């Protein structure tokens, strides 16, 4: 029982970090946050590669690392580096993966 409670609390904390730090900025964009996820999966394929690329971009955003088409980069620009600490950023990315992954869910 204690394990399940701990697991639930961790998932809830990840969701809170994601909701507070990622969603608000993406709500202002014409492109949904889920579309960014699908593009990352298309480019990087695996969970490990997607998470590593996303973390690298969020910590050190550069046009060369962006998965966005040039038109969207011109429209929105390159984001500022994430202000989240590395562990919080990893938790937010884990939540992002959990919400939008379709890998292992297709039949």
PDB file of N, CA and C in Angstrom:
ATOM      1  N   UNK A   1       0.828  -1.193   0.000  1.00  0.00           N
ATOM      2  CA  UNK A   1       0.000   0.000   0.000  1.00  0.00           C
ATOM      3  C   UNK A   1       0.872   1.255   0.000  1.00  0.00           C
ATOM      4  N   UNK A   2       1.939   1.261   0.817  1.00  0.00           N
ATOM      5  CA  UNK A   2       2.833   2.414   0.887  1.00  0.00           C
ATOM      6  C   UNK A   2       3.499   2.688  -0.446  1.00  0.00           C
ATOM      7  N   UNK A   3       3.861   1.626  -1.163  1.00  0.00           N
ATOM      8  CA  UNK A   3       4.479   1.785  -2.480  1.00  0.00           C
ATOM      9  C   UNK A   3       3.526   2.470  -3.448  1.00  0.00           C
ATOM     10  N   UNK A   4       2.276   2.026  -3.459  1.00  0.00           N
ATOM     11  CA  UNK A   4       1.292   2.622  -4.365  1.00  0.00           C
ATOM     12  C   UNK A   4       1.063   4.094  -4.054  1.00  0.00           C
ATOM     13  N   UNK A   5       1.002   4.427  -2.793  1.00  0.00           N
ATOM     14  CA  UNK A   5       0.821   5.824  -2.396  1.00  0.00           C
ATOM     15  C   UNK A   5       2.021   6.655  -2.835  1.00  0.00           C
ATOM     16  N   UNK A   6       3.220   6.140  -2.613  1.00  0.00           N
ATOM     17  CA  UNK A   6       4.433   6.851  -3.037  1.00  0.00           C
ATOM     18  C   UNK A   6       4.455   7.040  -4.548  1.00  0.00           C
ATOM     19  N   UNK A   7       4.101   6.000  -5.283  1.00  0.00           N
ATOM     20  CA  UNK A   7       4.073   6.065  -6.742  1.00  0.00           C
ATOM     21  C   UNK A   7       3.071   7.117  -7.213  1.00  0.00           C
ATOM     22  N   UNK A   8       1.892   7.135  -6.611  1.00  0.00           N
ATOM     23  CA  UNK A   8       0.868   8.119  -6.966  1.00  0.00           C
ATOM     24  C   UNK A   8       1.342   9.533  -6.669  1.00  0.00           C
ATOM     25  N   UNK A   9       1.990   9.737  -5.545  1.00  0.00           N
ATOM     26  CA  UNK A   9       2.481  11.069  -5.181  1.00  0.00           C
ATOM     27  C   UNK A   9       3.559  11.551  -6.150  1.00  0.00           C
ATOM     28  N   UNK A  10       4.420  10.649  -6.584  1.00  0.00           N
ATOM     29  CA  UNK A  10       5.461  11.010  -7.559  1.00  0.00           C
ATOM     30  C   UNK A  10       4.819  11.412  -8.883  1.00  0.00           C
ATOM     31  N   UNK A  11       3.864  10.627  -9.359  1.00  0.00           N
ATOM     32  CA  UNK A  11       3.184  10.963 -10.613  1.00  0.00           C
ATOM     33  C   UNK A  11       2.460  12.294 -10.505  1.00  0.00           C
ATOM     34  N   UNK A  12       1.847  12.541  -9.360  1.00  0.00           N
ATOM     35  CA  UNK A  12       1.128  13.792  -9.148  1.00  0.00           C
ATOM     36  C   UNK A  12       2.092  14.974  -9.137  1.00  0.00           C
ATOM     37  N   UNK A  13       3.256  14.810  -8.538  1.00  0.00           N
ATOM     38  CA  UNK A  13       4.260  15.884  -8.507  1.00  0.00           C
ATOM     39  C   UNK A  13       4.764  16.175  -9.915  1.00  0.00           C
ATOM     40  N   UNK A  14       5.017  15.128 -10.705  1.00  0.00           N
ATOM     41  CA  UNK A  14       5.455  15.305 -12.094  1.00  0.00           C
ATOM     42  C   UNK A  14       4.406  16.076 -12.886  1.00  0.00           C
ATOM     43  N   UNK A  15       3.135  15.704 -12.689  1.00  0.00           N
ATOM     44  CA  UNK A  15       2.048  16.367 -13.411  1.00  0.00           C
ATOM     45  C   UNK A  15       1.970  17.838 -13.036  1.00  0.00           C
ATOM     46  N   UNK A  16       2.168  18.140 -11.774  1.00  0.00           N
ATOM     47  CA  UNK A  16       2.095  19.532 -11.314  1.00  0.00           C
ATOM     48  C   UNK A  16       3.218  20.371 -11.934  1.00  0.00           C
ATOM     49  N   UNK A  17       4.427  19.845 -11.948  1.00  0.00           N
ATOM     50  CA  UNK A  17       5.561  20.560 -12.560  1.00  0.00           C
ATOM     51  C   UNK A  17       5.265  20.820 -14.032  1.00  0.00           C
ATOM     52  N   UNK A  18       4.784  19.804 -14.722  1.00  0.00           N
ATOM     53  CA  UNK A  18       4.460  19.920 -16.146  1.00  0.00           C
ATOM     54  C   UNK A  18       3.356  20.961 -16.367  1.00  0.00           C
ATOM     55  N   UNK A  19       2.276  20.853 -15.596  1.00  0.00           N
ATOM     56  CA  UNK A  19       1.134  21.769 -15.751  1.00  0.00           C
ATOM     57  C   UNK A  19       1.528  23.218 -15.487  1.00  0.00           C
ATOM     58  N   UNK A  20       2.362  23.446 -14.504  1.00  0.00           N
ATOM     59  CA  UNK A  20       2.722  24.813 -14.125  1.00  0.00           C
ATOM     60  C   UNK A  20       3.806  25.417 -15.009  1.00  0.00           C
ATOM     61  N   UNK A  21       4.686  24.597 -15.554  1.00  0.00           N
ATOM     62  CA  UNK A  21       5.861  25.124 -16.247  1.00  0.00           C
ATOM     63  C   UNK A  21       5.879  24.923 -17.756  1.00  0.00           C
ATOM     64  N   UNK A  22       5.078  24.029 -18.275  1.00  0.00           N
ATOM     65  CA  UNK A  22       5.110  23.746 -19.712  1.00  0.00           C
ATOM     66  C   UNK A  22       3.827  24.190 -20.421  1.00  0.00           C
ATOM     67  N   UNK A  23       2.709  23.795 -19.867  1.00  0.00           N
ATOM     68  CA  UNK A  23       1.426  24.029 -20.526  1.00  0.00           C
ATOM     69  C   UNK A  23       1.117  25.507 -20.756  1.00  0.00           C
ATOM     70  N   UNK A  24       1.314  26.398 -19.781  1.00  0.00           N
ATOM     71  CA  UNK A  24       0.920  27.805 -19.994  1.00  0.00           C
ATOM     72  C   UNK A  24       1.532  28.454 -21.238  1.00  0.00           C
ATOM     73  N   UNK A  25       2.794  28.239 -21.494  1.00  0.00           N
ATOM     74  CA  UNK A  25       3.435  28.840 -22.680  1.00  0.00           C
ATOM     75  C   UNK A  25       2.881  28.240 -23.964  1.00  0.00           C
ATOM     76  N   UNK A  26       2.655  26.941 -23.954  1.00  0.00           N
ATOM     77  CA  UNK A  26       2.186  26.276 -25.162  1.00  0.00           C
ATOM     78  C   UNK A  26       0.730  26.602 -25.470  1.00  0.00           C
ATOM     79  N   UNK A  27      -0.048  27.010 -24.478  1.00  0.00           N
ATOM     80  CA  UNK A  27      -1.437  27.392 -24.722  1.00  0.00           C
ATOM     81  C   UNK A  27      -1.527  28.646 -25.586  1.00  0.00           C
ATOM     82  N   UNK A  28      -0.483  29.443 -25.592  1.00  0.00           N
ATOM     83  CA  UNK A  28      -0.463  30.683 -26.375  1.00  0.00           C
ATOM     84  C   UNK A  28      -0.105  30.442 -27.843  1.00  0.00           C
ATOM     85  N   UNK A  29       0.351  29.250 -28.170  1.00  0.00           N
ATOM     86  CA  UNK A  29       0.793  28.940 -29.531  1.00  0.00           C
ATOM     87  C   UNK A  29      -0.351  28.386 -30.375  1.00  0.00           C
ATOM     88  N   UNK A  30      -0.222  28.536 -31.677  1.00  0.00           N
ATOM     89  CA  UNK A  30      -1.206  27.976 -32.608  1.00  0.00           C
ATOM     90  C   UNK A  30      -1.079  26.461 -32.717  1.00  0.00           C
ATOM     91  N   UNK A  31       0.078  25.941 -32.355  1.00  0.00           N
ATOM     92  CA  UNK A  31       0.372  24.514 -32.472  1.00  0.00           C
ATOM     93  C   UNK A  31       0.254  23.875 -31.092  1.00  0.00           C
ATOM     94  N   UNK A  32      -0.570  22.833 -30.977  1.00  0.00           N
ATOM     95  CA  UNK A  32      -0.764  22.165 -29.695  1.00  0.00           C
ATOM     96  C   UNK A  32       0.497  21.474 -29.204  1.00  0.00           C
ATOM     97  N   UNK A  33       0.620  21.371 -27.888  1.00  0.00           N
ATOM     98  CA  UNK A  33       1.803  20.764 -27.274  1.00  0.00           C
ATOM     99  C   UNK A  33       1.946  19.300 -27.695  1.00  0.00           C
ATOM    100  N   UNK A  34       0.837  18.638 -27.987  1.00  0.00           N
ATOM    101  CA  UNK A  34       0.900  17.251 -28.442  1.00  0.00           C
ATOM    102  C   UNK A  34       1.586  17.126 -29.801  1.00  0.00           C
ATOM    103  N   UNK A  35       1.436  18.134 -30.650  1.00  0.00           N
ATOM    104  CA  UNK A  35       2.071  18.095 -31.973  1.00  0.00           C
ATOM    105  C   UNK A  35       3.592  18.145 -31.861  1.00  0.00           C
ATOM    106  N   UNK A  36       4.097  18.885 -30.865  1.00  0.00           N
ATOM    107  CA  UNK A  36       5.541  18.905 -30.627  1.00  0.00           C
ATOM    108  C   UNK A  36       6.008  17.500 -30.253  1.00  0.00           C
ATOM    109  N   UNK A  37       5.235  16.834 -29.402  1.00  0.00           N
ATOM    110  CA  UNK A  37       5.589  15.485 -28.968  1.00  0.00           C
ATOM    111  C   UNK A  37       5.676  14.539 -30.165  1.00  0.00           C
ATOM    112  N   UNK A  38       4.658  14.555 -31.006  1.00  0.00           N
ATOM    113  CA  UNK A  38       4.634  13.637 -32.147  1.00  0.00           C
ATOM    114  C   UNK A  38       5.801  13.908 -33.091  1.00  0.00           C
ATOM    115  N   UNK A  39       6.162  15.161 -33.225  1.00  0.00           N
ATOM    116  CA  UNK A  39       7.307  15.501 -34.082  1.00  0.00           C
ATOM    117  C   UNK A  39       8.607  14.967 -33.467  1.00  0.00           C
ATOM    118  N   UNK A  40       8.753  15.089 -32.140  1.00  0.00           N
ATOM    119  CA  UNK A  40       9.936  14.534 -31.473  1.00  0.00           C
ATOM    120  C   UNK A  40      10.016  13.029 -31.690  1.00  0.00           C
ATOM    121  N   UNK A  41       8.892  12.336 -31.565  1.00  0.00           N
ATOM    122  CA  UNK A  41       8.890  10.885 -31.769  1.00  0.00           C
ATOM    123  C   UNK A  41       9.245  10.554 -33.217  1.00  0.00           C
ATOM    124  N   UNK A  42       8.721  11.313 -34.148  1.00  0.00           N
ATOM    125  CA  UNK A  42       9.017  11.087 -35.561  1.00  0.00           C
ATOM    126  C   UNK A  42      10.509  11.246 -35.848  1.00  0.00           C
ATOM    127  N   UNK A  43      11.131  12.239 -35.235  1.00  0.00           N
ATOM    128  CA  UNK A  43      12.547  12.522 -35.483  1.00  0.00           C
ATOM    129  C   UNK A  43      13.469  11.605 -34.680  1.00  0.00           C
ATOM    130  N   UNK A  44      13.140  11.357 -33.404  1.00  0.00           N
ATOM    131  CA  UNK A  44      14.072  10.655 -32.513  1.00  0.00           C
ATOM    132  C   UNK A  44      13.673   9.224 -32.160  1.00  0.00           C
ATOM    133  N   UNK A  45      12.455   8.812 -32.427  1.00  0.00           N
ATOM    134  CA  UNK A  45      11.957   7.442 -32.306  1.00  0.00           C
ATOM    135  C   UNK A  45      11.792   6.895 -30.898  1.00  0.00           C
ATOM    136  N   UNK A  46      12.853   6.658 -30.171  1.00  0.00           N
ATOM    137  CA  UNK A  46      12.750   5.946 -28.894  1.00  0.00           C
ATOM    138  C   UNK A  46      12.505   6.889 -27.721  1.00  0.00           C
ATOM    139  N   UNK A  47      11.972   6.332 -26.650  1.00  0.00           N
ATOM    140  CA  UNK A  47      11.723   7.116 -25.437  1.00  0.00           C
ATOM    141  C   UNK A  47      13.004   7.773 -24.930  1.00  0.00           C
ATOM    142  N   UNK A  48      14.079   7.016 -24.873  1.00  0.00           N
ATOM    143  CA  UNK A  48      15.347   7.553 -24.363  1.00  0.00           C
ATOM    144  C   UNK A  48      15.843   8.696 -25.246  1.00  0.00           C
ATOM    145  N   UNK A  49      15.793   8.502 -26.560  1.00  0.00           N
ATOM    146  CA  UNK A  49      16.275   9.537 -27.486  1.00  0.00           C
ATOM    147  C   UNK A  49      15.400  10.784 -27.458  1.00  0.00           C
ATOM    148  N   UNK A  50      14.088  10.592 -27.397  1.00  0.00           N
ATOM    149  CA  UNK A  50      13.166  11.735 -27.338  1.00  0.00           C
ATOM    150  C   UNK A  50      13.424  12.547 -26.080  1.00  0.00           C
ATOM    151  N   UNK A  51      13.490  11.870 -24.943  1.00  0.00           N
ATOM    152  CA  UNK A  51      13.689  12.576 -23.672  1.00  0.00           C
ATOM    153  C   UNK A  51      15.038  13.290 -23.635  1.00  0.00           C
ATOM    154  N   UNK A  52      16.073  12.648 -24.146  1.00  0.00           N
ATOM    155  CA  UNK A  52      17.404  13.270 -24.150  1.00  0.00           C
ATOM    156  C   UNK A  52      17.429  14.504 -25.052  1.00  0.00           C
ATOM    157  N   UNK A  53      16.836  14.403 -26.237  1.00  0.00           N
ATOM    158  CA  UNK A  53      16.816  15.535 -27.170  1.00  0.00           C
ATOM    159  C   UNK A  53      15.985  16.686 -26.617  1.00  0.00           C
ATOM    160  N   UNK A  54      14.862  16.363 -26.029  1.00  0.00           N
ATOM    161  CA  UNK A  54      13.999  17.396 -25.456  1.00  0.00           C
ATOM    162  C   UNK A  54      14.694  18.108 -24.297  1.00  0.00           C
ATOM    163  N   UNK A  55      15.320  17.337 -23.429  1.00  0.00           N
ATOM    164  CA  UNK A  55      16.049  17.926 -22.299  1.00  0.00           C
ATOM    165  C   UNK A  55      17.185  18.817 -22.795  1.00  0.00           C
ATOM    166  N   UNK A  56      17.941  18.335 -23.765  1.00  0.00           N
ATOM    167  CA  UNK A  56      19.049  19.116 -24.306  1.00  0.00           C
ATOM    168  C   UNK A  56      18.543  20.430 -24.903  1.00  0.00           C
ATOM    169  N   UNK A  57      17.458  20.357 -25.661  1.00  0.00           N
ATOM    170  CA  UNK A  57      16.913  21.578 -26.265  1.00  0.00           C
ATOM    171  C   UNK A  57      16.408  22.548 -25.198  1.00  0.00           C
ATOM    172  N   UNK A  58      15.705  22.037 -24.203  1.00  0.00           N
ATOM    173  CA  UNK A  58      15.139  22.918 -23.176  1.00  0.00           C
ATOM    174  C   UNK A  58      16.215  23.580 -22.323  1.00  0.00           C
ATOM    175  N   UNK A  59      17.323  22.889 -22.116  1.00  0.00           N
ATOM    176  CA  UNK A  59      18.424  23.481 -21.348  1.00  0.00           C
ATOM    177  C   UNK A  59      19.273  24.421 -22.195  1.00  0.00           C
ATOM    178  N   UNK A  60      19.432  24.081 -23.485  1.00  0.00           N
ATOM    179  CA  UNK A  60      20.304  24.852 -24.383  1.00  0.00           C
ATOM    180  C   UNK A  60      19.611  25.061 -25.729  1.00  0.00           C
ATOM    181  N   UNK A  61      18.534  25.844 -25.755  1.00  0.00           N
ATOM    182  CA  UNK A  61      17.787  26.006 -27.006  1.00  0.00           C
ATOM    183  C   UNK A  61      18.591  26.731 -28.087  1.00  0.00           C
ATOM    184  N   UNK A  62      18.608  26.133 -29.254  1.00  0.00           N
ATOM    185  CA  UNK A  62      19.277  26.712 -30.421  1.00  0.00           C
ATOM    186  C   UNK A  62      18.479  26.301 -31.655  1.00  0.00           C
ATOM    187  N   UNK A  63      18.517  27.110 -32.676  1.00  0.00           N
ATOM    188  CA  UNK A  63      17.801  26.803 -33.911  1.00  0.00           C
ATOM    189  C   UNK A  63      18.225  25.440 -34.460  1.00  0.00           C
ATOM    190  N   UNK A  64      19.509  25.133 -34.364  1.00  0.00           N
ATOM    191  CA  UNK A  64      20.026  23.871 -34.901  1.00  0.00           C
ATOM    192  C   UNK A  64      19.461  22.649 -34.168  1.00  0.00           C
ATOM    193  N   UNK A  65      19.024  22.825 -32.941  1.00  0.00           N
ATOM    194  CA  UNK A  65      18.472  21.718 -32.161  1.00  0.00           C
ATOM    195  C   UNK A  65      16.952  21.646 -32.246  1.00  0.00           C
ATOM    196  N   UNK A  66      16.332  22.652 -32.814  1.00  0.00           N
ATOM    197  CA  UNK A  66      14.877  22.723 -32.858  1.00  0.00           C
ATOM    198  C   UNK A  66      14.304  21.727 -33.858  1.00  0.00           C
ATOM    199  N   UNK A  67      13.153  21.179 -33.523  1.00  0.00           N
ATOM    200  CA  UNK A  67      12.441  20.286 -34.436  1.00  0.00           C
ATOM    201  C   UNK A  67      11.380  21.041 -35.231  1.00  0.00           C
ATOM    202  N   UNK A  68      11.230  22.329 -34.954  1.00  0.00           N
ATOM    203  CA  UNK A  68      10.206  23.119 -35.625  1.00  0.00           C
ATOM    204  C   UNK A  68      10.614  23.468 -37.051  1.00  0.00           C
ATOM    205  N   UNK A  69       9.630  23.534 -37.943  1.00  0.00           N
ATOM    206  CA  UNK A  69       9.925  24.034 -39.284  1.00  0.00           C
ATOM    207  C   UNK A  69      10.360  25.499 -39.200  1.00  0.00           C
ATOM    208  N   UNK A  70      11.133  25.938 -40.168  1.00  0.00           N
ATOM    209  CA  UNK A  70      11.655  27.308 -40.161  1.00  0.00           C
ATOM    210  C   UNK A  70      10.561  28.359 -40.014  1.00  0.00           C
ATOM    211  N   UNK A  71       9.412  28.137 -40.642  1.00  0.00           N
ATOM    212  CA  UNK A  71       8.318  29.108 -40.555  1.00  0.00           C
ATOM    213  C   UNK A  71       7.849  29.339 -39.131  1.00  0.00           C
ATOM    214  N   UNK A  72       7.775  28.270 -38.340  1.00  0.00           N
ATOM    215  CA  UNK A  72       7.358  28.420 -36.939  1.00  0.00           C
ATOM    216  C   UNK A  72       8.463  29.049 -36.101  1.00  0.00           C
ATOM    217  N   UNK A  73       9.705  28.755 -36.424  1.00  0.00           N
ATOM    218  CA  UNK A  73      10.815  29.394 -35.708  1.00  0.00           C
ATOM    219  C   UNK A  73      10.793  30.892 -35.985  1.00  0.00           C
ATOM    220  N   UNK A  74      10.541  31.260 -37.235  1.00  0.00           N
ATOM    221  CA  UNK A  74      10.466  32.686 -37.574  1.00  0.00           C
ATOM    222  C   UNK A  74       9.298  33.360 -36.858  1.00  0.00           C
ATOM    223  N   UNK A  75       8.181  32.650 -36.738  1.00  0.00           N
ATOM    224  CA  UNK A  75       6.988  33.215 -36.105  1.00  0.00           C
ATOM    225  C   UNK A  75       7.141  33.341 -34.594  1.00  0.00           C
ATOM    226  N   UNK A  76       7.660  32.291 -33.939  1.00  0.00           N
ATOM    227  CA  UNK A  76       7.717  32.256 -32.477  1.00  0.00           C
ATOM    228  C   UNK A  76       9.105  32.487 -31.900  1.00  0.00           C
ATOM    229  N   UNK A  77      10.127  32.282 -32.701  1.00  0.00           N
ATOM    230  CA  UNK A  77      11.489  32.415 -32.207  1.00  0.00           C
ATOM    231  C   UNK A  77      11.932  31.179 -31.443  1.00  0.00           C
ATOM    232  N   UNK A  78      13.114  31.265 -30.876  1.00  0.00           N
ATOM    233  CA  UNK A  78      13.671  30.180 -30.063  1.00  0.00           C
ATOM    234  C   UNK A  78      13.392  30.516 -28.605  1.00  0.00           C
ATOM    235  N   UNK A  79      12.932  29.541 -27.876  1.00  0.00           N
ATOM    236  CA  UNK A  79      12.578  29.778 -26.470  1.00  0.00           C
ATOM    237  C   UNK A  79      13.808  30.103 -25.628  1.00  0.00           C
ATOM    238  N   UNK A  80      13.548  30.647 -24.463  1.00  0.00           N
ATOM    239  CA  UNK A  80      14.609  30.887 -23.486  1.00  0.00           C
ATOM    240  C   UNK A  80      14.967  29.555 -22.828  1.00  0.00           C
ATOM    241  N   UNK A  81      16.187  29.408 -22.314  1.00  0.00           N
ATOM    242  CA  UNK A  81      16.524  28.176 -21.587  1.00  0.00           C
ATOM    243  C   UNK A  81      15.572  27.964 -20.406  1.00  0.00           C
ATOM    244  N   UNK A  82      15.275  26.722 -20.130  1.00  0.00           N
ATOM    245  CA  UNK A  82      14.386  26.395 -19.016  1.00  0.00           C
ATOM    246  C   UNK A  82      14.988  26.871 -17.701  1.00  0.00           C
ATOM    247  N   UNK A  83      14.133  27.379 -16.843  1.00  0.00           N
ATOM    248  CA  UNK A  83      14.576  27.811 -15.516  1.00  0.00           C
ATOM    249  C   UNK A  83      14.429  26.690 -14.489  1.00  0.00           C
ATOM    250  N   UNK A  84      13.887  25.554 -14.915  1.00  0.00           N
ATOM    251  CA  UNK A  84      13.724  24.426 -13.998  1.00  0.00           C
ATOM    252  C   UNK A  84      15.072  23.795 -13.678  1.00  0.00           C
ATOM    253  N   UNK A  85      15.192  23.308 -12.456  1.00  0.00           N
ATOM    254  CA  UNK A  85      16.373  22.521 -12.108  1.00  0.00           C
ATOM    255  C   UNK A  85      16.299  21.220 -12.897  1.00  0.00           C
ATOM    256  N   UNK A  86      17.451  20.605 -13.100  1.00  0.00           N
ATOM    257  CA  UNK A  86      17.526  19.432 -13.966  1.00  0.00           C
ATOM    258  C   UNK A  86      16.577  18.314 -13.539  1.00  0.00           C
ATOM    259  N   UNK A  87      16.475  18.031 -12.244  1.00  0.00           N
ATOM    260  CA  UNK A  87      15.588  16.952 -11.801  1.00  0.00           C
ATOM    261  C   UNK A  87      14.123  17.296 -12.050  1.00  0.00           C
ATOM    262  N   UNK A  88      13.735  18.550 -11.844  1.00  0.00           N
ATOM    263  CA  UNK A  88      12.358  18.971 -12.108  1.00  0.00           C
ATOM    264  C   UNK A  88      12.063  18.924 -13.609  1.00  0.00           C
ATOM    265  N   UNK A  89      13.038  19.305 -14.413  1.00  0.00           N
ATOM    266  CA  UNK A  89      12.874  19.248 -15.866  1.00  0.00           C
ATOM    267  C   UNK A  89      12.673  17.802 -16.314  1.00  0.00           C
ATOM    268  N   UNK A  90      13.450  16.892 -15.769  1.00  0.00           N
ATOM    269  CA  UNK A  90      13.301  15.473 -16.113  1.00  0.00           C
ATOM    270  C   UNK A  90      11.921  14.958 -15.709  1.00  0.00           C
ATOM    271  N   UNK A  91      11.420  15.395 -14.556  1.00  0.00           N
ATOM    272  CA  UNK A  91      10.085  14.985 -14.112  1.00  0.00           C
ATOM    273  C   UNK A  91       9.013  15.514 -15.059  1.00  0.00           C
ATOM    274  N   UNK A  92       9.158  16.758 -15.489  1.00  0.00           N
ATOM    275  CA  UNK A  92       8.195  17.337 -16.435  1.00  0.00           C
ATOM    276  C   UNK A  92       8.227  16.586 -17.763  1.00  0.00           C
ATOM    277  N   UNK A  93       9.417  16.248 -18.230  1.00  0.00           N
ATOM    278  CA  UNK A  93       9.550  15.497 -19.485  1.00  0.00           C
ATOM    279  C   UNK A  93       8.943  14.106 -19.333  1.00  0.00           C
ATOM    280  N   UNK A  94       9.138  13.467 -18.184  1.00  0.00           N
ATOM    281  CA  UNK A  94       8.524  12.157 -17.937  1.00  0.00           C
ATOM    282  C   UNK A  94       6.999  12.254 -18.019  1.00  0.00           C
ATOM    283  N   UNK A  95       6.448  13.298 -17.432  1.00  0.00           N
ATOM    284  CA  UNK A  95       4.992  13.489 -17.475  1.00  0.00           C
ATOM    285  C   UNK A  95       4.527  13.738 -18.908  1.00  0.00           C
ATOM    286  N   UNK A  96       5.272  14.535 -19.635  1.00  0.00           N
ATOM    287  CA  UNK A  96       4.962  14.809 -21.044  1.00  0.00           C
ATOM    288  C   UNK A  96       4.932  13.493 -21.818  1.00  0.00           C
ATOM    289  N   UNK A  97       5.913  12.649 -21.607  1.00  0.00           N
ATOM    290  CA  UNK A  97       5.961  11.346 -22.275  1.00  0.00           C
ATOM    291  C   UNK A  97       4.741  10.505 -21.894  1.00  0.00           C
ATOM    292  N   UNK A  98       4.432  10.443 -20.599  1.00  0.00           N
ATOM    293  CA  UNK A  98       3.292   9.631 -20.148  1.00  0.00           C
ATOM    294  C   UNK A  98       1.984  10.101 -20.782  1.00  0.00           C
ATOM    295  N   UNK A  99       1.800  11.388 -20.899  1.00  0.00           N
ATOM    296  CA  UNK A  99       0.540  11.921 -21.424  1.00  0.00           C
ATOM    297  C   UNK A  99       0.344  11.655 -22.909  1.00  0.00           C
ATOM    298  N   UNK A 100       1.391  11.752 -23.675  1.00  0.00           N
ATOM    299  CA  UNK A 100       1.215  11.736 -25.122  1.00  0.00           C
ATOM    300  C   UNK A 100       1.750  10.510 -25.830  1.00  0.00           C
ATOM    301  N   UNK A 101       2.458   9.640 -25.136  1.00  0.00           N
ATOM    302  CA  UNK A 101       3.006   8.486 -25.841  1.00  0.00           C
ATOM    303  C   UNK A 101       1.892   7.561 -26.318  1.00  0.00           C
ATOM    304  N   UNK A 102       2.090   7.035 -27.468  1.00  0.00           N
ATOM    305  CA  UNK A 102       1.190   6.033 -28.013  1.00  0.00           C
ATOM    306  C   UNK A 102       1.934   4.712 -28.144  1.00  0.00           C
ATOM    307  N   UNK A 103       3.231   4.738 -27.877  1.00  0.00           N
ATOM    308  CA  UNK A 103       4.059   3.540 -27.978  1.00  0.00           C
ATOM    309  C   UNK A 103       3.612   2.552 -26.908  1.00  0.00           C
ATOM    310  N   UNK A 104       3.317   1.350 -27.321  1.00  0.00           N
ATOM    311  CA  UNK A 104       2.846   0.322 -26.406  1.00  0.00           C
ATOM    312  C   UNK A 104       1.350   0.382 -26.157  1.00  0.00           C
ATOM    313  N   UNK A 105       0.667   1.378 -26.717  1.00  0.00           N
ATOM    314  CA  UNK A 105      -0.775   1.514 -26.512  1.00  0.00           C
ATOM    315  C   UNK A 105      -1.572   1.140 -27.759  1.00  0.00           C
ATOM    316  N   UNK A 106      -0.881   0.988 -28.875  1.00  0.00           N
ATOM    317  CA  UNK A 106      -1.567   0.644 -30.121  1.00  0.00           C
ATOM    318  C   UNK A 106      -1.827  -0.853 -30.171  1.00  0.00           C
ATOM    319  N   UNK A 107      -2.938  -1.211 -30.728  1.00  0.00           N
ATOM    320  CA  UNK A 107      -3.284  -2.634 -30.864  1.00  0.00           C
ATOM    321  C   UNK A 107      -3.475  -2.965 -32.311  1.00  0.00           C
TER     322      UNK A 107
END
